[in-house]
Amino acid sequence: MSGFRSLTSVLATAEPMLIAVIGLLVLVIFGLLGMAFVVRRRSRVVDNITDQVRALPAPPPQPAPPRPRPRPQMIRGGGGGGLAVATSTAMVCPTCRTEFHGMTYCTRDARRLVPPEEMLGGPLRALAGAKSAGLVCMACRRAYEPGLRSCPHDGNELVPFPVYNATRPRKRGTTEPAGVIARICPVCGAKYDLNARFCGHDAGELVVIN
């Protein structure tokens, strides 16, 4: 009888501890379940945001700016010109101030062409004609640098270009290209406009094509 009482007293003493342990375990289980729920909810939120970002339309690509096409420059000027040469190098005659492209000599007066920058420090000052433009032979119309007195080609006296330009006989339509290829260089065979007089490559005097 006394053993039964001792067992009862032990159970009565252990019952509160057992309840406390069970309660603690229940709290731990609920805490773990709550943490798992929170983590799972956060992962769903992150997945939703990622899906929304992926669903956004991509920005349209910026079109590349068009590249400008290089325009071939043609021979121009009042020298009768030669054949149209597609090049980007501009040269100027120091005597008549005519601009050529792809030539070495002026087709009007056979003078060697120079870059515009070499003429009095720039093309604008060169066109103003602040200094002497050179000397011209009245007979053969060839131009030379200042300093000579007679034409090395035929021995005639040279005159300044302004004097030559003011006293030469005016022929209508001889200052601009005629638009007709009617002259040829007997040296190199290059063909030129009807109003050209000299070859722009070797300064040879042109002849009319038969």
Protein backbone atom coordinates (compact mmCIF):
# COMPACT_ATOMS: atom_id res chain seq x y z
CA MET A 1 0.00 0.00 0.00
CA SER A 2 2.87 2.30 0.81
CA GLY A 3 4.45 1.56 -2.64
CA PHE A 4 1.31 2.67 -4.41
CA ARG A 5 1.33 5.89 -2.49
CA SER A 6 4.95 6.60 -3.38
CA LEU A 7 4.25 5.99 -7.10
CA THR A 8 1.30 8.32 -6.91
CA SER A 9 3.37 10.99 -5.27
CA VAL A 10 6.10 10.65 -7.94
CA LEU A 11 3.55 10.97 -10.71
CA ALA A 12 2.01 13.97 -9.05
CA THR A 13 5.42 15.61 -8.79
CA ALA A 14 6.43 14.80 -12.43
CA GLU A 15 3.14 15.83 -14.00
CA PRO A 16 3.85 19.61 -14.00
CA MET A 17 7.30 19.06 -15.52
CA LEU A 18 5.86 16.83 -18.21
CA ILE A 19 3.24 19.40 -19.05
CA ALA A 20 5.90 22.09 -19.20
CA VAL A 21 8.09 20.01 -21.54
CA ILE A 22 5.12 19.22 -23.81
CA GLY A 23 4.13 22.89 -23.89
CA LEU A 24 7.68 23.87 -24.78
CA LEU A 25 7.76 21.33 -27.60
CA VAL A 26 4.44 22.62 -28.91
CA LEU A 27 5.79 26.20 -28.89
CA VAL A 28 8.93 25.13 -30.74
CA ILE A 29 6.83 23.29 -33.36
CA PHE A 30 4.57 26.30 -33.88
CA GLY A 31 7.59 28.58 -34.15
CA LEU A 32 9.18 26.39 -36.80
CA LEU A 33 5.91 26.22 -38.72
CA GLY A 34 5.58 30.00 -38.55
CA MET A 35 9.12 30.53 -39.79
CA ALA A 36 8.56 28.09 -42.66
CA PHE A 37 5.38 29.93 -43.61
CA VAL A 38 7.10 33.31 -43.58
CA VAL A 39 10.04 32.05 -45.66
CA ARG A 40 7.71 30.44 -48.17
CA ARG A 41 5.64 33.60 -48.49
CA ARG A 42 8.73 35.72 -49.05
CA SER A 43 9.97 33.36 -51.74
CA ARG A 44 6.59 33.64 -53.50
CA VAL A 45 6.78 37.44 -53.39
CA VAL A 46 10.29 37.37 -54.89
CA ASP A 47 9.15 34.97 -57.61
CA ASN A 48 6.19 37.23 -58.47
CA ILE A 49 8.46 40.28 -58.75
CA THR A 50 10.89 38.37 -60.96
CA ASP A 51 8.07 37.23 -63.24
CA GLN A 52 6.76 40.79 -63.53
CA VAL A 53 10.20 42.10 -64.43
CA ARG A 54 10.62 39.42 -67.08
CA ALA A 55 7.16 40.19 -68.47
CA LEU A 56 8.06 43.85 -69.09
CA PRO A 57 8.59 44.62 -72.81
CA ALA A 58 12.20 45.14 -73.83
CA PRO A 59 13.08 48.68 -74.97
CA PRO A 60 13.29 49.02 -78.74
CA PRO A 61 16.85 49.09 -80.08
CA GLN A 62 18.17 52.48 -81.08
CA PRO A 63 18.59 52.73 -84.85
CA ALA A 64 22.13 53.36 -85.99
CA PRO A 65 22.63 56.82 -87.52
CA PRO A 66 22.96 56.69 -91.32
CA ARG A 67 26.44 57.12 -92.64
CA PRO A 68 26.80 60.03 -95.03
CA ARG A 69 27.80 58.97 -98.48
CA PRO A 70 30.96 60.61 -99.76
CA ARG A 71 30.20 62.79 -102.74
CA PRO A 72 32.83 62.73 -105.47
CA GLN A 73 33.95 66.22 -106.34
CA MET A 74 34.13 67.18 -109.97
CA ILE A 75 36.33 69.63 -111.81
CA ARG A 76 34.95 73.14 -111.67
CA GLY A 77 36.14 76.62 -112.33
CA GLY A 78 36.51 78.97 -115.25
CA GLY A 79 39.43 77.27 -116.93
CA GLY A 80 37.53 75.18 -119.43
CA GLY A 81 38.28 72.24 -117.17
CA GLY A 82 39.23 68.77 -118.21
CA LEU A 83 37.54 65.43 -117.80
CA ALA A 84 35.42 65.04 -114.67
CA VAL A 85 37.63 63.34 -112.11
CA ALA A 86 36.12 61.87 -108.94
CA THR A 87 38.55 62.88 -106.23
CA SER A 88 38.61 64.80 -102.98
CA THR A 89 41.88 66.72 -103.47
CA ALA A 90 41.38 70.36 -104.41
CA MET A 91 44.17 72.36 -106.05
CA VAL A 92 44.18 76.00 -107.11
CA CYS A 93 45.95 77.83 -109.90
CA PRO A 94 48.00 80.69 -108.39
CA THR A 95 47.46 82.81 -111.50
CA CYS A 96 43.79 82.61 -112.43
CA ARG A 97 42.56 81.31 -109.04
CA THR A 98 40.67 78.46 -110.73
CA GLU A 99 40.08 75.37 -108.60
CA PHE A 100 40.71 71.90 -110.02
CA HIS A 101 40.45 68.34 -108.73
CA GLY A 102 42.75 65.53 -109.75
CA MET A 103 44.96 67.78 -111.88
CA THR A 104 48.57 68.94 -111.66
CA TYR A 105 48.49 71.91 -114.07
CA CYS A 106 45.91 74.57 -114.86
CA THR A 107 44.05 73.85 -118.13
CA ARG A 108 43.80 77.60 -118.81
CA ASP A 109 47.42 78.73 -118.49
CA ALA A 110 49.47 75.54 -117.81
CA ARG A 111 50.75 76.76 -114.46
CA ARG A 112 51.41 74.17 -111.75
CA LEU A 113 48.59 73.99 -109.21
CA VAL A 114 49.15 74.46 -105.48
CA PRO A 115 47.07 73.68 -102.39
CA PRO A 116 44.87 76.61 -101.33
CA GLU A 117 46.70 76.82 -97.99
CA GLU A 118 49.95 77.75 -99.75
CA MET A 119 48.43 80.83 -101.37
CA LEU A 120 48.95 83.77 -99.03
CA GLY A 121 48.20 81.69 -95.95
CA GLY A 122 44.75 80.42 -96.94
CA PRO A 123 42.19 80.18 -99.73
CA LEU A 124 40.17 83.23 -98.65
CA ARG A 125 43.16 85.54 -98.76
CA ALA A 126 44.32 83.94 -101.98
CA LEU A 127 41.06 84.64 -103.72
CA ALA A 128 41.28 88.24 -102.64
CA GLY A 129 44.37 88.63 -104.82
CA ALA A 130 46.40 90.64 -102.35
CA LYS A 131 49.67 89.77 -104.10
CA SER A 132 50.73 89.27 -107.68
CA ALA A 133 49.06 86.27 -109.29
CA GLY A 134 51.92 85.66 -111.70
CA LEU A 135 52.92 86.54 -115.25
CA VAL A 136 51.28 85.43 -118.50
CA CYS A 137 52.54 85.23 -122.06
CA MET A 138 50.22 87.09 -124.43
CA ALA A 139 51.08 84.73 -127.30
CA CYS A 140 50.84 81.21 -125.87
CA ARG A 141 48.80 82.14 -122.75
CA ARG A 142 51.11 80.19 -120.44
CA ALA A 143 51.47 81.50 -116.90
CA TYR A 144 54.69 81.65 -114.88
CA GLU A 145 55.79 82.65 -111.42
CA PRO A 146 56.80 86.27 -110.82
CA GLY A 147 60.43 87.03 -111.53
CA LEU A 148 60.66 86.10 -115.23
CA ARG A 149 60.70 88.67 -118.03
CA SER A 150 60.16 86.57 -121.13
CA CYS A 151 58.29 83.36 -121.89
CA PRO A 152 60.61 80.31 -121.86
CA HIS A 153 58.33 78.69 -124.43
CA ASP A 154 58.37 81.29 -127.23
CA GLY A 155 60.45 84.22 -125.92
CA ASN A 156 57.62 86.77 -125.83
CA GLU A 157 57.49 89.35 -123.04
CA LEU A 158 55.44 88.37 -120.00
CA VAL A 159 52.80 90.66 -118.52
CA PRO A 160 51.08 90.56 -115.11
CA PHE A 161 47.92 88.52 -115.07
CA PRO A 162 45.64 91.51 -114.30
CA VAL A 163 47.01 93.25 -117.42
CA TYR A 164 46.61 90.11 -119.50
CA ASN A 165 43.10 89.56 -118.19
CA ALA A 166 42.11 93.13 -118.99
CA THR A 167 43.62 93.29 -122.49
CA ARG A 168 43.08 89.81 -123.89
CA PRO A 169 40.39 89.45 -126.53
CA ARG A 170 37.08 88.38 -125.06
CA LYS A 171 35.51 85.39 -126.72
CA ARG A 172 32.02 84.49 -125.69
CA GLY A 173 31.74 81.14 -123.96
CA THR A 174 35.46 80.49 -123.50
CA THR A 175 35.60 80.94 -119.72
CA GLU A 176 33.26 78.10 -118.79
CA PRO A 177 33.32 74.45 -119.93
CA ALA A 178 31.43 73.95 -123.18
CA GLY A 179 30.29 70.50 -122.17
CA VAL A 180 31.78 68.94 -125.30
CA ILE A 181 34.84 66.69 -125.17
CA ALA A 182 36.69 67.89 -128.27
CA ARG A 183 40.37 68.28 -127.34
CA ILE A 184 43.08 65.71 -126.63
CA CYS A 185 46.61 65.83 -125.22
CA PRO A 186 49.12 64.54 -127.79
CA VAL A 187 51.47 63.47 -124.97
CA CYS A 188 49.30 61.41 -122.62
CA GLY A 189 46.12 61.04 -124.68
CA ALA A 190 43.80 62.51 -122.06
CA LYS A 191 40.66 64.11 -123.49
CA TYR A 192 39.35 67.50 -122.41
CA ASP A 193 36.59 70.01 -122.90
CA LEU A 194 36.49 72.16 -126.01
CA ASN A 195 37.39 75.29 -124.03
CA ALA A 196 40.43 73.72 -122.31
CA ARG A 197 43.80 74.71 -123.72
CA PHE A 198 46.43 72.76 -121.78
CA CYS A 199 46.63 69.27 -120.32
CA GLY A 200 46.11 69.17 -116.59
CA HIS A 201 48.56 66.25 -116.16
CA ASP A 202 51.63 67.26 -118.19
CA ALA A 203 50.88 70.88 -119.29
CA GLY A 204 51.00 69.85 -122.95
CA GLU A 205 49.12 72.02 -125.41
CA LEU A 206 45.87 70.36 -126.48
CA VAL A 207 44.80 69.76 -130.03
CA VAL A 208 41.30 69.42 -131.47
CA ILE A 209 40.09 65.85 -131.97
CA ASN A 210 39.56 65.11 -135.64
